[in-house]
Every structure is written in structure tokens, then in C-alpha cells.
Amino acid sequence: PRGLWVDRGCRADFIVRSGPPPPPPITVTCSSNNGDRNWCDIGPRT
């Protein structure tokens, strides 16, 4: 609520966007069955 915070020596350039908020975070369980590659949907999250 106070804004962007950094700690423990972090220093960086940040991109701040206004407008609608991003979608809320989600928790996804993703499994590689039989050792094969598998994709799990995370929607627009990056």
C-alpha cells in the first residue's frame, strides 16, 4: 500500500503502468507425466 519497495541492496529500473490492475495471482499445480513435457494454462500472466 505504500508503493514500490526494495530491500537488501536491490537496485533496479521498474516499469510502472497505470490503468486496470493485472489479473490476480493464481496457484497452478503443473505435472510432467511419464517424464514428458506438459503445458499448463496460466492465462495472460507473464
All heavy atoms as atom14 arrays in JSON, in Angstrom:
{
  "sequence": "PRGLWVDRGCRADFIVRSGPPPPPPITVTCSSNNGDRNWCDIGPRT",
  "atom14_mask": [
    [1, 1, 1, 1, 1, 1, 1, 0, 0, 0, 0, 0, 0, 0],
    [1, 1, 1, 1, 1, 1, 1, 1, 1, 1, 1, 0, 0, 0],
    [1, 1, 1, 1, 0, 0, 0, 0, 0, 0, 0, 0, 0, 0],
    [1, 1, 1, 1, 1, 1, 1, 1, 0, 0, 0, 0, 0, 0],
    [1, 1, 1, 1, 1, 1, 1, 1, 1, 1, 1, 1, 1, 1],
    [1, 1, 1, 1, 1, 1, 1, 0, 0, 0, 0, 0, 0, 0],
    [1, 1, 1, 1, 1, 1, 1, 1, 0, 0, 0, 0, 0, 0],
    [1, 1, 1, 1, 1, 1, 1, 1, 1, 1, 1, 0, 0, 0],
    [1, 1, 1, 1, 0, 0, 0, 0, 0, 0, 0, 0, 0, 0],
    [1, 1, 1, 1, 1, 1, 0, 0, 0, 0, 0, 0, 0, 0],
    [1, 1, 1, 1, 1, 1, 1, 1, 1, 1, 1, 0, 0, 0],
    [1, 1, 1, 1, 1, 0, 0, 0, 0, 0, 0, 0, 0, 0],
    [1, 1, 1, 1, 1, 1, 1, 1, 0, 0, 0, 0, 0, 0],
    [1, 1, 1, 1, 1, 1, 1, 1, 1, 1, 1, 0, 0, 0],
    [1, 1, 1, 1, 1, 1, 1, 1, 0, 0, 0, 0, 0, 0],
    [1, 1, 1, 1, 1, 1, 1, 0, 0, 0, 0, 0, 0, 0],
    [1, 1, 1, 1, 1, 1, 1, 1, 1, 1, 1, 0, 0, 0],
    [1, 1, 1, 1, 1, 1, 0, 0, 0, 0, 0, 0, 0, 0],
    [1, 1, 1, 1, 0, 0, 0, 0, 0, 0, 0, 0, 0, 0],
    [1, 1, 1, 1, 1, 1, 1, 0, 0, 0, 0, 0, 0, 0],
    [1, 1, 1, 1, 1, 1, 1, 0, 0, 0, 0, 0, 0, 0],
    [1, 1, 1, 1, 1, 1, 1, 0, 0, 0, 0, 0, 0, 0],
    [1, 1, 1, 1, 1, 1, 1, 0, 0, 0, 0, 0, 0, 0],
    [1, 1, 1, 1, 1, 1, 1, 0, 0, 0, 0, 0, 0, 0],
    [1, 1, 1, 1, 1, 1, 1, 0, 0, 0, 0, 0, 0, 0],
    [1, 1, 1, 1, 1, 1, 1, 1, 0, 0, 0, 0, 0, 0],
    [1, 1, 1, 1, 1, 1, 1, 0, 0, 0, 0, 0, 0, 0],
    [1, 1, 1, 1, 1, 1, 1, 0, 0, 0, 0, 0, 0, 0],
    [1, 1, 1, 1, 1, 1, 1, 0, 0, 0, 0, 0, 0, 0],
    [1, 1, 1, 1, 1, 1, 0, 0, 0, 0, 0, 0, 0, 0],
    [1, 1, 1, 1, 1, 1, 0, 0, 0, 0, 0, 0, 0, 0],
    [1, 1, 1, 1, 1, 1, 0, 0, 0, 0, 0, 0, 0, 0],
    [1, 1, 1, 1, 1, 1, 1, 1, 0, 0, 0, 0, 0, 0],
    [1, 1, 1, 1, 1, 1, 1, 1, 0, 0, 0, 0, 0, 0],
    [1, 1, 1, 1, 0, 0, 0, 0, 0, 0, 0, 0, 0, 0],
    [1, 1, 1, 1, 1, 1, 1, 1, 0, 0, 0, 0, 0, 0],
    [1, 1, 1, 1, 1, 1, 1, 1, 1, 1, 1, 0, 0, 0],
    [1, 1, 1, 1, 1, 1, 1, 1, 0, 0, 0, 0, 0, 0],
    [1, 1, 1, 1, 1, 1, 1, 1, 1, 1, 1, 1, 1, 1],
    [1, 1, 1, 1, 1, 1, 0, 0, 0, 0, 0, 0, 0, 0],
    [1, 1, 1, 1, 1, 1, 1, 1, 0, 0, 0, 0, 0, 0],
    [1, 1, 1, 1, 1, 1, 1, 1, 0, 0, 0, 0, 0, 0],
    [1, 1, 1, 1, 0, 0, 0, 0, 0, 0, 0, 0, 0, 0],
    [1, 1, 1, 1, 1, 1, 1, 0, 0, 0, 0, 0, 0, 0],
    [1, 1, 1, 1, 1, 1, 1, 1, 1, 1, 1, 0, 0, 0],
    [1, 1, 1, 1, 1, 1, 1, 0, 0, 0, 0, 0, 0, 0]
  ],
  "atom14_positions": [
    [[0.8, -1.23, 0.0], [0.0, 0.0, 0.0], [0.83, 1.29, 0.0], [0.36, 2.33, -0.44], [-0.84, -0.12, 1.28], [-1.0, -1.6, 1.46], [0.33, -2.18, 1.03], [0.0, 0.0, 0.0], [0.0, 0.0, 0.0], [0.0, 0.0, 0.0], [0.0, 0.0, 0.0], [0.0, 0.0, 0.0], [0.0, 0.0, 0.0], [0.0, 0.0, 0.0]],
    [[2.08, 1.23, 0.47], [2.93, 2.43, 0.47], [3.56, 2.7, -0.88], [4.06, 3.78, -1.14], [4.05, 2.29, 1.51], [3.56, 2.42, 2.93], [4.66, 2.25, 3.93], [5.67, 3.31, 3.85], [6.75, 3.34, 4.61], [6.97, 2.4, 5.5], [7.63, 4.32, 4.48], [0.0, 0.0, 0.0], [0.0, 0.0, 0.0], [0.0, 0.0, 0.0]],
    [[3.61, 1.68, -1.75], [4.22, 1.85, -3.07], [5.19, 0.72, -3.39], [5.11, -0.37, -2.85], [0.0, 0.0, 0.0], [0.0, 0.0, 0.0], [0.0, 0.0, 0.0], [0.0, 0.0, 0.0], [0.0, 0.0, 0.0], [0.0, 0.0, 0.0], [0.0, 0.0, 0.0], [0.0, 0.0, 0.0], [0.0, 0.0, 0.0], [0.0, 0.0, 0.0]],
    [[6.14, 1.03, -4.26], [7.17, 0.08, -4.67], [8.25, 0.05, -3.59], [8.73, 1.09, -3.17], [7.76, 0.53, -6.01], [9.02, -0.16, -6.5], [8.77, -1.64, -6.78], [9.55, 0.54, -7.75], [0.0, 0.0, 0.0], [0.0, 0.0, 0.0], [0.0, 0.0, 0.0], [0.0, 0.0, 0.0], [0.0, 0.0, 0.0], [0.0, 0.0, 0.0]],
    [[8.61, -1.15, -3.12], [9.68, -1.25, -2.14], [10.81, -2.11, -2.67], [10.61, -3.0, -3.49], [9.18, -1.78, -0.79], [8.54, -3.15, -0.83], [7.22, -3.42, -0.96], [9.21, -4.43, -0.76], [7.0, -4.79, -0.97], [8.21, -5.43, -0.84], [10.53, -4.82, -0.62], [8.51, -6.79, -0.8], [10.83, -6.18, -0.58], [9.81, -7.14, -0.66]],
    [[12.01, -1.8, -2.21], [13.21, -2.59, -2.49], [13.93, -2.81, -1.17], [13.81, -2.02, -0.24], [14.14, -1.91, -3.52], [13.53, -1.93, -4.91], [14.49, -0.5, -3.11], [0.0, 0.0, 0.0], [0.0, 0.0, 0.0], [0.0, 0.0, 0.0], [0.0, 0.0, 0.0], [0.0, 0.0, 0.0], [0.0, 0.0, 0.0], [0.0, 0.0, 0.0]],
    [[14.69, -3.9, -1.09], [15.34, -4.26, 0.18], [16.63, -5.02, -0.11], [16.83, -5.53, -1.22], [14.37, -5.13, 1.01], [14.68, -5.14, 2.49], [15.63, -4.46, 2.93], [13.96, -5.83, 3.24], [0.0, 0.0, 0.0], [0.0, 0.0, 0.0], [0.0, 0.0, 0.0], [0.0, 0.0, 0.0], [0.0, 0.0, 0.0], [0.0, 0.0, 0.0]],
    [[17.48, -5.12, 0.88], [18.71, -5.93, 0.85], [19.6, -5.63, -0.35], [20.15, -6.54, -0.96], [18.39, -7.41, 0.94], [17.78, -7.79, 2.29], [17.5, -9.23, 2.39], [16.15, -9.46, 1.9], [15.62, -10.64, 1.68], [16.31, -11.73, 1.91], [14.39, -10.76, 1.25], [0.0, 0.0, 0.0], [0.0, 0.0, 0.0], [0.0, 0.0, 0.0]],
    [[19.73, -4.35, -0.69], [20.66, -3.95, -1.74], [20.11, -3.99, -3.15], [20.84, -3.68, -4.09], [0.0, 0.0, 0.0], [0.0, 0.0, 0.0], [0.0, 0.0, 0.0], [0.0, 0.0, 0.0], [0.0, 0.0, 0.0], [0.0, 0.0, 0.0], [0.0, 0.0, 0.0], [0.0, 0.0, 0.0], [0.0, 0.0, 0.0], [0.0, 0.0, 0.0]],
    [[18.86, -4.37, -3.33], [18.28, -4.39, -4.69], [18.2, -2.97, -5.22], [17.77, -2.05, -4.54], [16.88, -5.02, -4.65], [15.97, -4.86, -6.2], [0.0, 0.0, 0.0], [0.0, 0.0, 0.0], [0.0, 0.0, 0.0], [0.0, 0.0, 0.0], [0.0, 0.0, 0.0], [0.0, 0.0, 0.0], [0.0, 0.0, 0.0], [0.0, 0.0, 0.0]],
    [[18.64, -2.81, -6.46], [18.51, -1.54, -7.18], [18.17, -1.88, -8.62], [18.88, -2.66, -9.26], [19.81, -0.74, -7.12], [19.7, 0.59, -7.84], [20.95, 1.44, -7.59], [20.71, 2.77, -8.12], [21.46, 3.33, -9.06], [22.5, 2.7, -9.56], [21.17, 4.53, -9.49], [0.0, 0.0, 0.0], [0.0, 0.0, 0.0], [0.0, 0.0, 0.0]],
    [[17.07, -1.31, -9.12], [16.61, -1.68, -10.46], [15.74, -0.59, -11.06], [15.26, 0.29, -10.36], [15.83, -2.99, -10.41], [0.0, 0.0, 0.0], [0.0, 0.0, 0.0], [0.0, 0.0, 0.0], [0.0, 0.0, 0.0], [0.0, 0.0, 0.0], [0.0, 0.0, 0.0], [0.0, 0.0, 0.0], [0.0, 0.0, 0.0], [0.0, 0.0, 0.0]],
    [[15.58, -0.69, -12.38], [14.6, 0.13, -13.1], [13.32, -0.69, -13.17], [13.35, -1.88, -13.51], [15.08, 0.44, -14.51], [16.26, 1.39, -14.54], [16.39, 2.21, -13.6], [17.04, 1.33, -15.5], [0.0, 0.0, 0.0], [0.0, 0.0, 0.0], [0.0, 0.0, 0.0], [0.0, 0.0, 0.0], [0.0, 0.0, 0.0], [0.0, 0.0, 0.0]],
    [[12.2, -0.05, -12.87], [10.91, -0.71, -12.87], [9.97, 0.01, -13.84], [9.99, 1.23, -13.93], [10.29, -0.71, -11.47], [11.1, -1.47, -10.46], [12.1, -0.85, -9.73], [10.87, -2.82, -10.25], [12.85, -1.55, -8.81], [11.61, -3.53, -9.32], [12.61, -2.9, -8.6], [0.0, 0.0, 0.0], [0.0, 0.0, 0.0], [0.0, 0.0, 0.0]],
    [[9.15, -0.76, -14.53], [8.12, -0.21, -15.4], [6.83, -0.15, -14.59], [6.4, -1.16, -14.03], [7.89, -1.11, -16.64], [9.18, -1.27, -17.45], [6.76, -0.54, -17.5], [9.71, -0.01, -18.06], [0.0, 0.0, 0.0], [0.0, 0.0, 0.0], [0.0, 0.0, 0.0], [0.0, 0.0, 0.0], [0.0, 0.0, 0.0], [0.0, 0.0, 0.0]],
    [[6.25, 1.04, -14.52], [5.01, 1.25, -13.77], [3.93, 1.59, -14.79], [4.07, 2.54, -15.56], [5.18, 2.39, -12.74], [3.87, 2.61, -11.98], [6.32, 2.09, -11.79], [0.0, 0.0, 0.0], [0.0, 0.0, 0.0], [0.0, 0.0, 0.0], [0.0, 0.0, 0.0], [0.0, 0.0, 0.0], [0.0, 0.0, 0.0], [0.0, 0.0, 0.0]],
    [[2.88, 0.79, -14.8], [1.77, 1.02, -15.72], [0.54, 1.46, -14.93], [0.27, 0.94, -13.86], [1.43, -0.27, -16.47], [2.51, -0.72, -17.41], [2.07, -1.97, -18.16], [3.1, -2.42, -19.06], [4.02, -3.33, -18.75], [4.02, -3.88, -17.57], [4.92, -3.69, -19.63], [0.0, 0.0, 0.0], [0.0, 0.0, 0.0], [0.0, 0.0, 0.0]],
    [[-0.19, 2.38, -15.51], [-1.46, 2.75, -14.91], [-2.56, 2.05, -15.69], [-2.29, 1.4, -16.7], [-1.65, 4.26, -14.93], [-1.63, 4.73, -16.24], [0.0, 0.0, 0.0], [0.0, 0.0, 0.0], [0.0, 0.0, 0.0], [0.0, 0.0, 0.0], [0.0, 0.0, 0.0], [0.0, 0.0, 0.0], [0.0, 0.0, 0.0], [0.0, 0.0, 0.0]],
    [[-3.76, 2.18, -15.26], [-4.85, 1.53, -15.95], [-5.39, 0.38, -15.12], [-5.14, 0.3, -13.92], [0.0, 0.0, 0.0], [0.0, 0.0, 0.0], [0.0, 0.0, 0.0], [0.0, 0.0, 0.0], [0.0, 0.0, 0.0], [0.0, 0.0, 0.0], [0.0, 0.0, 0.0], [0.0, 0.0, 0.0], [0.0, 0.0, 0.0], [0.0, 0.0, 0.0]],
    [[-6.1, -0.53, -15.75], [-6.7, -1.61, -14.98], [-5.62, -2.48, -14.35], [-4.55, -2.68, -14.93], [-7.51, -2.4, -16.02], [-6.98, -1.99, -17.34], [-6.36, -0.64, -17.17], [0.0, 0.0, 0.0], [0.0, 0.0, 0.0], [0.0, 0.0, 0.0], [0.0, 0.0, 0.0], [0.0, 0.0, 0.0], [0.0, 0.0, 0.0], [0.0, 0.0, 0.0]],
    [[-5.9, -2.98, -13.16], [-4.9, -3.81, -12.49], [-4.71, -5.13, -13.24], [-5.59, -5.58, -13.96], [-5.5, -4.04, -11.1], [-6.97, -3.87, -11.3], [-7.13, -2.87, -12.41], [0.0, 0.0, 0.0], [0.0, 0.0, 0.0], [0.0, 0.0, 0.0], [0.0, 0.0, 0.0], [0.0, 0.0, 0.0], [0.0, 0.0, 0.0], [0.0, 0.0, 0.0]],
    [[-3.55, -5.75, -13.04], [-3.32, -7.04, -13.67], [-4.23, -8.1, -13.04], [-4.76, -7.87, -11.95], [-1.84, -7.32, -13.37], [-1.56, -6.55, -12.13], [-2.43, -5.33, -12.2], [0.0, 0.0, 0.0], [0.0, 0.0, 0.0], [0.0, 0.0, 0.0], [0.0, 0.0, 0.0], [0.0, 0.0, 0.0], [0.0, 0.0, 0.0], [0.0, 0.0, 0.0]],
    [[-4.41, -9.23, -13.69], [-5.24, -10.27, -13.08], [-4.61, -10.74, -11.78], [-3.38, -10.69, -11.62], [-5.25, -11.39, -14.13], [-4.09, -11.11, -15.03], [-3.83, -9.65, -14.97], [0.0, 0.0, 0.0], [0.0, 0.0, 0.0], [0.0, 0.0, 0.0], [0.0, 0.0, 0.0], [0.0, 0.0, 0.0], [0.0, 0.0, 0.0], [0.0, 0.0, 0.0]],
    [[-5.43, -11.19, -10.83], [-4.87, -11.63, -9.56], [-4.0, -12.87, -9.75], [-4.2, -13.65, -10.69], [-6.11, -11.96, -8.71], [-7.19, -12.21, -9.71], [-6.87, -11.37, -10.91], [0.0, 0.0, 0.0], [0.0, 0.0, 0.0], [0.0, 0.0, 0.0], [0.0, 0.0, 0.0], [0.0, 0.0, 0.0], [0.0, 0.0, 0.0], [0.0, 0.0, 0.0]],
    [[-3.02, -13.06, -8.86], [-2.18, -14.25, -8.98], [-3.0, -15.52, -8.76], [-4.01, -15.49, -8.06], [-1.13, -14.08, -7.88], [-1.58, -12.97, -7.03], [-2.65, -12.22, -7.75], [0.0, 0.0, 0.0], [0.0, 0.0, 0.0], [0.0, 0.0, 0.0], [0.0, 0.0, 0.0], [0.0, 0.0, 0.0], [0.0, 0.0, 0.0], [0.0, 0.0, 0.0]],
    [[-2.56, -16.59, -9.38], [-3.21, -17.88, -9.2], [-2.14, -18.91, -8.84], [-0.96, -18.72, -9.14], [-3.97, -18.34, -10.47], [-3.02, -18.44, -11.68], [-5.14, -17.44, -10.77], [-3.63, -19.11, -12.9], [0.0, 0.0, 0.0], [0.0, 0.0, 0.0], [0.0, 0.0, 0.0], [0.0, 0.0, 0.0], [0.0, 0.0, 0.0], [0.0, 0.0, 0.0]],
    [[-2.57, -19.98, -8.2], [-1.68, -21.1, -7.93], [-2.06, -22.23, -8.87], [-3.24, -22.57, -9.0], [-1.8, -21.57, -6.47], [-1.45, -20.47, -5.61], [-0.88, -22.74, -6.19], [0.0, 0.0, 0.0], [0.0, 0.0, 0.0], [0.0, 0.0, 0.0], [0.0, 0.0, 0.0], [0.0, 0.0, 0.0], [0.0, 0.0, 0.0], [0.0, 0.0, 0.0]],
    [[-1.06, -22.77, -9.55], [-1.26, -23.83, -10.54], [-0.36, -25.0, -10.17], [0.82, -24.81, -9.92], [-0.88, -23.33, -11.95], [-0.98, -24.44, -12.97], [-1.73, -22.15, -12.36], [0.0, 0.0, 0.0], [0.0, 0.0, 0.0], [0.0, 0.0, 0.0], [0.0, 0.0, 0.0], [0.0, 0.0, 0.0], [0.0, 0.0, 0.0], [0.0, 0.0, 0.0]],
    [[-0.94, -26.21, -10.11], [-0.13, -27.41, -9.99], [0.1, -27.93, -11.39], [-0.85, -28.18, -12.13], [-0.84, -28.48, -9.13], [-1.09, -27.92, -7.83], [0.0, -29.73, -8.98], [0.0, 0.0, 0.0], [0.0, 0.0, 0.0], [0.0, 0.0, 0.0], [0.0, 0.0, 0.0], [0.0, 0.0, 0.0], [0.0, 0.0, 0.0], [0.0, 0.0, 0.0]],
    [[1.37, -28.07, -11.76], [1.71, -28.5, -13.11], [2.61, -29.73, -13.0], [3.56, -29.73, -12.19], [2.4, -27.37, -13.86], [2.39, -27.56, -15.66], [0.0, 0.0, 0.0], [0.0, 0.0, 0.0], [0.0, 0.0, 0.0], [0.0, 0.0, 0.0], [0.0, 0.0, 0.0], [0.0, 0.0, 0.0], [0.0, 0.0, 0.0], [0.0, 0.0, 0.0]],
    [[2.3, -30.76, -13.77], [3.0, -32.05, -13.64], [3.5, -32.55, -14.98], [2.77, -32.55, -15.97], [2.05, -33.11, -13.08], [1.51, -32.69, -11.85], [0.0, 0.0, 0.0], [0.0, 0.0, 0.0], [0.0, 0.0, 0.0], [0.0, 0.0, 0.0], [0.0, 0.0, 0.0], [0.0, 0.0, 0.0], [0.0, 0.0, 0.0], [0.0, 0.0, 0.0]],
    [[4.74, -33.03, -14.99], [5.31, -33.71, -16.14], [5.02, -35.19, -15.95], [5.67, -35.87, -15.15], [6.82, -33.46, -16.2], [7.44, -34.38, -17.08], [0.0, 0.0, 0.0], [0.0, 0.0, 0.0], [0.0, 0.0, 0.0], [0.0, 0.0, 0.0], [0.0, 0.0, 0.0], [0.0, 0.0, 0.0], [0.0, 0.0, 0.0], [0.0, 0.0, 0.0]],
    [[4.02, -35.69, -16.67], [3.63, -37.09, -16.53], [4.52, -37.97, -17.39], [4.77, -37.66, -18.54], [2.16, -37.26, -16.91], [1.26, -36.41, -16.03], [1.48, -36.32, -14.82], [0.3, -35.74, -16.63], [0.0, 0.0, 0.0], [0.0, 0.0, 0.0], [0.0, 0.0, 0.0], [0.0, 0.0, 0.0], [0.0, 0.0, 0.0], [0.0, 0.0, 0.0]],
    [[5.0, -39.07, -16.82], [5.87, -40.01, -17.52], [7.11, -39.34, -18.09], [7.65, -39.78, -19.1], [5.1, -40.73, -18.65], [3.9, -41.48, -18.11], [3.99, -42.1, -17.05], [2.8, -41.43, -18.83], [0.0, 0.0, 0.0], [0.0, 0.0, 0.0], [0.0, 0.0, 0.0], [0.0, 0.0, 0.0], [0.0, 0.0, 0.0], [0.0, 0.0, 0.0]],
    [[7.54, -38.24, -17.47], [8.75, -37.56, -17.91], [8.58, -36.72, -19.14], [9.55, -36.15, -19.65], [0.0, 0.0, 0.0], [0.0, 0.0, 0.0], [0.0, 0.0, 0.0], [0.0, 0.0, 0.0], [0.0, 0.0, 0.0], [0.0, 0.0, 0.0], [0.0, 0.0, 0.0], [0.0, 0.0, 0.0], [0.0, 0.0, 0.0], [0.0, 0.0, 0.0]],
    [[7.35, -36.61, -19.67], [7.1, -35.84, -20.89], [6.82, -34.38, -20.55], [6.35, -34.05, -19.46], [5.89, -36.41, -21.65], [6.15, -37.81, -22.18], [7.32, -38.13, -22.47], [5.16, -38.58, -22.29], [0.0, 0.0, 0.0], [0.0, 0.0, 0.0], [0.0, 0.0, 0.0], [0.0, 0.0, 0.0], [0.0, 0.0, 0.0], [0.0, 0.0, 0.0]],
    [[7.08, -33.5, -21.53], [6.78, -32.08, -21.36], [5.28, -31.87, -21.37], [4.55, -32.46, -22.17], [7.43, -31.25, -22.47], [7.2, -29.75, -22.27], [8.1, -28.9, -23.11], [9.46, -29.01, -22.63], [10.45, -28.2, -22.98], [10.22, -27.22, -23.83], [11.67, -28.36, -22.51], [0.0, 0.0, 0.0], [0.0, 0.0, 0.0], [0.0, 0.0, 0.0]],
    [[4.82, -31.03, -20.45], [3.41, -30.71, -20.32], [3.25, -29.21, -20.13], [4.04, -28.61, -19.41], [2.8, -31.47, -19.13], [1.31, -31.23, -19.0], [0.58, -31.21, -19.97], [0.87, -31.03, -17.77], [0.0, 0.0, 0.0], [0.0, 0.0, 0.0], [0.0, 0.0, 0.0], [0.0, 0.0, 0.0], [0.0, 0.0, 0.0], [0.0, 0.0, 0.0]],
    [[2.24, -28.62, -20.78], [1.96, -27.2, -20.62], [0.73, -27.04, -19.76], [-0.24, -27.79, -19.87], [1.71, -26.54, -21.98], [2.95, -26.2, -22.71], [3.59, -24.99, -22.7], [3.73, -27.05, -23.55], [4.72, -25.05, -23.48], [4.83, -26.3, -24.03], [3.62, -28.37, -23.95], [5.78, -26.82, -24.87], [4.57, -28.9, -24.79], [5.64, -28.13, -25.24]],
    [[0.76, -26.02, -18.9], [-0.37, -25.69, -18.04], [-0.79, -24.25, -18.31], [0.05, -23.37, -18.48], [0.01, -25.86, -16.57], [0.42, -27.57, -16.16], [0.0, 0.0, 0.0], [0.0, 0.0, 0.0], [0.0, 0.0, 0.0], [0.0, 0.0, 0.0], [0.0, 0.0, 0.0], [0.0, 0.0, 0.0], [0.0, 0.0, 0.0], [0.0, 0.0, 0.0]],
    [[-2.1, -24.02, -18.36], [-2.66, -22.72, -18.68], [-2.47, -21.75, -17.52], [-2.85, -22.06, -16.39], [-4.14, -22.86, -19.02], [-4.78, -21.56, -19.45], [-4.04, -20.65, -19.87], [-6.01, -21.46, -19.36], [0.0, 0.0, 0.0], [0.0, 0.0, 0.0], [0.0, 0.0, 0.0], [0.0, 0.0, 0.0], [0.0, 0.0, 0.0], [0.0, 0.0, 0.0]],
    [[-1.87, -20.6, -17.81], [-1.74, -19.54, -16.79], [-2.43, -18.26, -17.26], [-2.26, -17.2, -16.65], [-0.27, -19.27, -16.43], [0.55, -18.9, -17.67], [0.32, -20.45, -15.67], [1.96, -18.43, -17.37], [0.0, 0.0, 0.0], [0.0, 0.0, 0.0], [0.0, 0.0, 0.0], [0.0, 0.0, 0.0], [0.0, 0.0, 0.0], [0.0, 0.0, 0.0]],
    [[-3.2, -18.36, -18.34], [-3.92, -17.19, -18.85], [-2.96, -16.1, -19.3], [-1.9, -16.4, -19.84], [0.0, 0.0, 0.0], [0.0, 0.0, 0.0], [0.0, 0.0, 0.0], [0.0, 0.0, 0.0], [0.0, 0.0, 0.0], [0.0, 0.0, 0.0], [0.0, 0.0, 0.0], [0.0, 0.0, 0.0], [0.0, 0.0, 0.0], [0.0, 0.0, 0.0]],
    [[-3.3, -14.83, -19.03], [-2.46, -13.73, -19.52], [-1.25, -13.43, -18.63], [-0.5, -12.51, -18.9], [-3.43, -12.54, -19.51], [-4.35, -12.85, -18.37], [-4.53, -14.35, -18.4], [0.0, 0.0, 0.0], [0.0, 0.0, 0.0], [0.0, 0.0, 0.0], [0.0, 0.0, 0.0], [0.0, 0.0, 0.0], [0.0, 0.0, 0.0], [0.0, 0.0, 0.0]],
    [[-1.07, -14.21, -17.6], [0.01, -13.92, -16.65], [1.38, -14.2, -17.27], [1.53, -15.15, -18.03], [-0.19, -14.74, -15.38], [-1.45, -14.31, -14.65], [-1.97, -15.42, -13.75], [-3.22, -15.04, -13.14], [-4.4, -15.25, -13.72], [-4.46, -15.85, -14.88], [-5.5, -14.86, -13.13], [0.0, 0.0, 0.0], [0.0, 0.0, 0.0], [0.0, 0.0, 0.0]],
    [[2.36, -13.37, -16.93], [3.69, -13.5, -17.54], [4.8, -13.73, -16.53], [5.96, -13.86, -16.9], [4.03, -12.23, -18.35], [3.97, -11.1, -17.47], [3.06, -12.05, -19.5], [0.0, 0.0, 0.0], [0.0, 0.0, 0.0], [0.0, 0.0, 0.0], [0.0, 0.0, 0.0], [0.0, 0.0, 0.0], [0.0, 0.0, 0.0], [0.0, 0.0, 0.0]]
  ]
}
